[in-house]
Amino acid sequence: MDTVNYILNRIRFAGYEGPQLHYVMIDEVQDLPHAIVYLLSKVASCGVFYSGDTAQTIAKGVGFRFYDLKKLFNSNFFDSSLTLKAPVIKHLTVNFRSHNNILQLANSIVSSIEILFPKTIDRMKKEISDLPGPKPMILSTSDE
């Protein structure tokens, strides 16, 4: 984060002097601190595409939500003289990799997180699939 803050300060006072980046695509954005998201937005001249799933955050200490991202860009959190257009959020709800019974199990776990820890993930439409499949089973054994 020291490096990120150093670069942001250089951009703030001297402008961006690095290679010209037209578009940047960031996957797994939920694992990035706000300062890194902001930095990547500052170096892209035409736009940034963010993708991620707040129910899949793995980075300790990063509490990312897309709602917070919109607030971040609407505020002057980083610099009152710099404003960026808030991103448009689109929900992708059709899953082509898993069948619907697996998604129903995953959706029930996500619903539990939404109820028990409401400020930790974004509340979104649940994923669906047209693919049929067997119901997931819980396997247990006493053999360690």
C-alpha atoms as a PDB file:
ATOM      1  CA  MET A   1       0.000   0.000   0.000  1.00  0.00           C
ATOM      2  CA  ASP A   2       2.971   2.331   0.499  1.00  0.00           C
ATOM      3  CA  THR A   3       3.821   1.944  -3.194  1.00  0.00           C
ATOM      4  CA  VAL A   4       0.211   2.543  -4.242  1.00  0.00           C
ATOM      5  CA  ASN A   5      -0.032   5.668  -2.083  1.00  0.00           C
ATOM      6  CA  TYR A   6       3.295   6.931  -3.451  1.00  0.00           C
ATOM      7  CA  ILE A   7       2.094   6.512  -7.046  1.00  0.00           C
ATOM      8  CA  LEU A   8      -1.264   8.163  -6.287  1.00  0.00           C
ATOM      9  CA  ASN A   9       0.536  11.170  -4.773  1.00  0.00           C
ATOM     10  CA  ARG A  10       2.793  11.442  -7.846  1.00  0.00           C
ATOM     11  CA  ILE A  11      -0.261  11.355 -10.117  1.00  0.00           C
ATOM     12  CA  ARG A  12      -2.030  13.936  -7.971  1.00  0.00           C
ATOM     13  CA  PHE A  13       0.836  16.444  -8.211  1.00  0.00           C
ATOM     14  CA  ALA A  14       2.522  15.642 -11.546  1.00  0.00           C
ATOM     15  CA  GLY A  15      -0.110  13.768 -13.546  1.00  0.00           C
ATOM     16  CA  TYR A  16       0.212  10.270 -14.922  1.00  0.00           C
ATOM     17  CA  GLU A  17       3.480   9.863 -16.851  1.00  0.00           C
ATOM     18  CA  GLY A  18       3.428   6.099 -17.504  1.00  0.00           C
ATOM     19  CA  PRO A  19       2.487   4.142 -20.614  1.00  0.00           C
ATOM     20  CA  GLN A  20      -0.847   5.003 -22.202  1.00  0.00           C
ATOM     21  CA  LEU A  21      -3.479   2.455 -21.156  1.00  0.00           C
ATOM     22  CA  HIS A  22      -6.766   2.795 -22.985  1.00  0.00           C
ATOM     23  CA  TYR A  23      -8.805   0.154 -21.177  1.00  0.00           C
ATOM     24  CA  VAL A  24      -8.121  -1.924 -18.092  1.00  0.00           C
ATOM     25  CA  MET A  25     -10.013  -5.063 -17.098  1.00  0.00           C
ATOM     26  CA  ILE A  26      -9.879  -6.044 -13.426  1.00  0.00           C
ATOM     27  CA  ASP A  27     -11.110  -9.486 -12.418  1.00  0.00           C
ATOM     28  CA  GLU A  28     -11.577 -10.522  -8.773  1.00  0.00           C
ATOM     29  CA  VAL A  29     -11.913  -6.845  -7.860  1.00  0.00           C
ATOM     30  CA  GLN A  30     -13.384  -7.867  -4.503  1.00  0.00           C
ATOM     31  CA  ASP A  31      -9.856  -8.785  -3.335  1.00  0.00           C
ATOM     32  CA  LEU A  32      -8.384  -5.325  -3.985  1.00  0.00           C
ATOM     33  CA  PRO A  33      -8.264  -2.407  -1.548  1.00  0.00           C
ATOM     34  CA  HIS A  34     -10.038   0.771  -2.663  1.00  0.00           C
ATOM     35  CA  ALA A  35      -6.733   2.582  -3.270  1.00  0.00           C
ATOM     36  CA  ILE A  36      -5.622   0.014  -5.867  1.00  0.00           C
ATOM     37  CA  VAL A  37      -9.010   0.173  -7.616  1.00  0.00           C
ATOM     38  CA  TYR A  38      -8.716   3.956  -7.700  1.00  0.00           C
ATOM     39  CA  LEU A  39      -5.141   3.838  -9.000  1.00  0.00           C
ATOM     40  CA  LEU A  40      -6.054   1.505 -11.856  1.00  0.00           C
ATOM     41  CA  SER A  41      -8.935   3.826 -12.722  1.00  0.00           C
ATOM     42  CA  LYS A  42      -6.568   6.794 -12.898  1.00  0.00           C
ATOM     43  CA  VAL A  43      -4.176   5.158 -15.390  1.00  0.00           C
ATOM     44  CA  ALA A  44      -6.869   4.047 -17.861  1.00  0.00           C
ATOM     45  CA  SER A  45      -7.746   6.821 -20.295  1.00  0.00           C
ATOM     46  CA  CYS A  46     -10.931   5.300 -21.775  1.00  0.00           C
ATOM     47  CA  GLY A  47     -12.380   3.095 -19.093  1.00  0.00           C
ATOM     48  CA  VAL A  48     -12.151   0.240 -16.629  1.00  0.00           C
ATOM     49  CA  PHE A  49     -14.163  -2.970 -16.495  1.00  0.00           C
ATOM     50  CA  TYR A  50     -14.477  -4.430 -12.996  1.00  0.00           C
ATOM     51  CA  SER A  51     -15.694  -7.949 -12.337  1.00  0.00           C
ATOM     52  CA  GLY A  52     -15.956  -9.899  -9.137  1.00  0.00           C
ATOM     53  CA  ASP A  53     -18.178 -11.503  -6.560  1.00  0.00           C
ATOM     54  CA  THR A  54     -18.327 -10.100  -3.055  1.00  0.00           C
ATOM     55  CA  ALA A  55     -19.384 -13.506  -1.740  1.00  0.00           C
ATOM     56  CA  GLN A  56     -15.950 -14.801  -2.802  1.00  0.00           C
ATOM     57  CA  THR A  57     -13.663 -12.356  -1.006  1.00  0.00           C
ATOM     58  CA  ILE A  58     -10.475 -14.093   0.116  1.00  0.00           C
ATOM     59  CA  ALA A  59      -8.199 -11.208   1.059  1.00  0.00           C
ATOM     60  CA  LYS A  60      -8.003 -10.627   4.791  1.00  0.00           C
ATOM     61  CA  GLY A  61      -8.866  -7.069   5.758  1.00  0.00           C
ATOM     62  CA  VAL A  62     -10.510  -6.187   2.431  1.00  0.00           C
ATOM     63  CA  GLY A  63     -14.221  -5.553   2.854  1.00  0.00           C
ATOM     64  CA  PHE A  64     -15.175  -4.876  -0.741  1.00  0.00           C
ATOM     65  CA  ARG A  65     -18.737  -4.270  -1.941  1.00  0.00           C
ATOM     66  CA  PHE A  66     -19.814  -2.878  -5.309  1.00  0.00           C
ATOM     67  CA  TYR A  67     -22.102  -0.450  -3.482  1.00  0.00           C
ATOM     68  CA  ASP A  68     -19.005   0.962  -1.767  1.00  0.00           C
ATOM     69  CA  LEU A  69     -17.281   1.246  -5.137  1.00  0.00           C
ATOM     70  CA  LYS A  70     -20.092   3.449  -6.454  1.00  0.00           C
ATOM     71  CA  LYS A  71     -19.887   5.620  -3.312  1.00  0.00           C
ATOM     72  CA  LEU A  72     -16.108   5.842  -3.680  1.00  0.00           C
ATOM     73  CA  PHE A  73     -16.364   7.282  -7.178  1.00  0.00           C
ATOM     74  CA  ASN A  74     -19.160   9.690  -6.232  1.00  0.00           C
ATOM     75  CA  SER A  75     -17.195  11.099  -3.333  1.00  0.00           C
ATOM     76  CA  ASN A  76     -13.917  12.940  -3.151  1.00  0.00           C
ATOM     77  CA  PHE A  77     -12.448  10.210  -0.968  1.00  0.00           C
ATOM     78  CA  PHE A  78      -9.014  10.463  -2.571  1.00  0.00           C
ATOM     79  CA  ASP A  79      -8.772  14.008  -3.860  1.00  0.00           C
ATOM     80  CA  SER A  80     -11.392  16.749  -3.955  1.00  0.00           C
ATOM     81  CA  SER A  81     -10.086  18.038  -7.312  1.00  0.00           C
ATOM     82  CA  LEU A  82     -10.400  14.625  -9.004  1.00  0.00           C
ATOM     83  CA  THR A  83     -13.747  13.060  -9.732  1.00  0.00           C
ATOM     84  CA  LEU A  84     -14.347   9.943 -11.753  1.00  0.00           C
ATOM     85  CA  LYS A  85     -17.591   8.735 -13.241  1.00  0.00           C
ATOM     86  CA  ALA A  86     -19.201   6.081 -11.056  1.00  0.00           C
ATOM     87  CA  PRO A  87     -19.241   2.631 -12.629  1.00  0.00           C
ATOM     88  CA  VAL A  88     -22.446   1.064 -13.891  1.00  0.00           C
ATOM     89  CA  ILE A  89     -23.198  -2.191 -12.076  1.00  0.00           C
ATOM     90  CA  LYS A  90     -24.603  -5.100 -14.046  1.00  0.00           C
ATOM     91  CA  HIS A  91     -25.510  -8.381 -12.386  1.00  0.00           C
ATOM     92  CA  LEU A  92     -24.613 -11.564 -14.238  1.00  0.00           C
ATOM     93  CA  THR A  93     -27.001 -14.205 -12.971  1.00  0.00           C
ATOM     94  CA  VAL A  94     -26.927 -16.997 -15.553  1.00  0.00           C
ATOM     95  CA  ASN A  95     -24.212 -19.516 -14.769  1.00  0.00           C
ATOM     96  CA  PHE A  96     -22.931 -21.731 -17.565  1.00  0.00           C
ATOM     97  CA  ARG A  97     -20.364 -23.702 -15.515  1.00  0.00           C
ATOM     98  CA  SER A  98     -22.499 -25.286 -12.781  1.00  0.00           C
ATOM     99  CA  HIS A  99     -25.855 -27.022 -12.821  1.00  0.00           C
ATOM    100  CA  ASN A 100     -28.869 -25.559 -11.056  1.00  0.00           C
ATOM    101  CA  ASN A 101     -28.852 -27.895  -8.014  1.00  0.00           C
ATOM    102  CA  ILE A 102     -25.293 -26.882  -7.130  1.00  0.00           C
ATOM    103  CA  LEU A 103     -26.256 -23.229  -7.567  1.00  0.00           C
ATOM    104  CA  GLN A 104     -29.250 -23.664  -5.255  1.00  0.00           C
ATOM    105  CA  LEU A 105     -26.934 -25.015  -2.541  1.00  0.00           C
ATOM    106  CA  ALA A 106     -24.491 -22.135  -3.072  1.00  0.00           C
ATOM    107  CA  ASN A 107     -27.350 -19.606  -3.087  1.00  0.00           C
ATOM    108  CA  SER A 108     -28.602 -20.920   0.266  1.00  0.00           C
ATOM    109  CA  ILE A 109     -25.137 -20.403   1.774  1.00  0.00           C
ATOM    110  CA  VAL A 110     -24.949 -16.884   0.327  1.00  0.00           C
ATOM    111  CA  SER A 111     -28.443 -16.143   1.718  1.00  0.00           C
ATOM    112  CA  SER A 112     -27.216 -17.202   5.165  1.00  0.00           C
ATOM    113  CA  ILE A 113     -24.265 -14.813   4.872  1.00  0.00           C
ATOM    114  CA  GLU A 114     -26.621 -12.013   3.805  1.00  0.00           C
ATOM    115  CA  ILE A 115     -28.774 -12.610   6.896  1.00  0.00           C
ATOM    116  CA  LEU A 116     -26.002 -13.184   9.454  1.00  0.00           C
ATOM    117  CA  PHE A 117     -23.475 -10.647   8.105  1.00  0.00           C
ATOM    118  CA  PRO A 118     -25.572  -8.129   6.117  1.00  0.00           C
ATOM    119  CA  LYS A 119     -22.853  -5.513   5.591  1.00  0.00           C
ATOM    120  CA  THR A 120     -20.189  -7.884   4.303  1.00  0.00           C
ATOM    121  CA  ILE A 121     -21.491  -8.704   0.812  1.00  0.00           C
ATOM    122  CA  ASP A 122     -23.747  -7.112  -1.755  1.00  0.00           C
ATOM    123  CA  ARG A 123     -27.308  -8.426  -1.887  1.00  0.00           C
ATOM    124  CA  MET A 124     -27.767  -9.564  -5.467  1.00  0.00           C
ATOM    125  CA  LYS A 125     -30.076 -11.724  -7.544  1.00  0.00           C
ATOM    126  CA  LYS A 126     -29.289 -15.392  -7.137  1.00  0.00           C
ATOM    127  CA  GLU A 127     -27.512 -17.299  -9.895  1.00  0.00           C
ATOM    128  CA  ILE A 128     -29.437 -19.773 -12.007  1.00  0.00           C
ATOM    129  CA  SER A 129     -28.594 -22.342 -14.658  1.00  0.00           C
ATOM    130  CA  ASP A 130     -30.544 -24.163 -17.337  1.00  0.00           C
ATOM    131  CA  LEU A 131     -28.379 -27.236 -16.771  1.00  0.00           C
ATOM    132  CA  PRO A 132     -30.027 -30.050 -14.809  1.00  0.00           C
ATOM    133  CA  GLY A 133     -27.973 -32.105 -12.405  1.00  0.00           C
ATOM    134  CA  PRO A 134     -28.080 -34.301  -9.338  1.00  0.00           C
ATOM    135  CA  LYS A 135     -28.731 -32.889  -5.892  1.00  0.00           C
ATOM    136  CA  PRO A 136     -25.494 -32.334  -3.956  1.00  0.00           C
ATOM    137  CA  MET A 137     -24.826 -34.879  -1.203  1.00  0.00           C
ATOM    138  CA  ILE A 138     -23.000 -34.509   2.069  1.00  0.00           C
ATOM    139  CA  LEU A 139     -20.535 -37.320   2.575  1.00  0.00           C
ATOM    140  CA  SER A 140     -19.298 -38.062   6.046  1.00  0.00           C
ATOM    141  CA  THR A 141     -16.960 -40.611   7.491  1.00  0.00           C
ATOM    142  CA  SER A 142     -15.522 -41.454  10.855  1.00  0.00           C
ATOM    143  CA  ASP A 143     -12.205 -42.382   9.261  1.00  0.00           C
ATOM    144  CA  GLU A 144      -9.845 -39.478   9.795  1.00  0.00           C
END
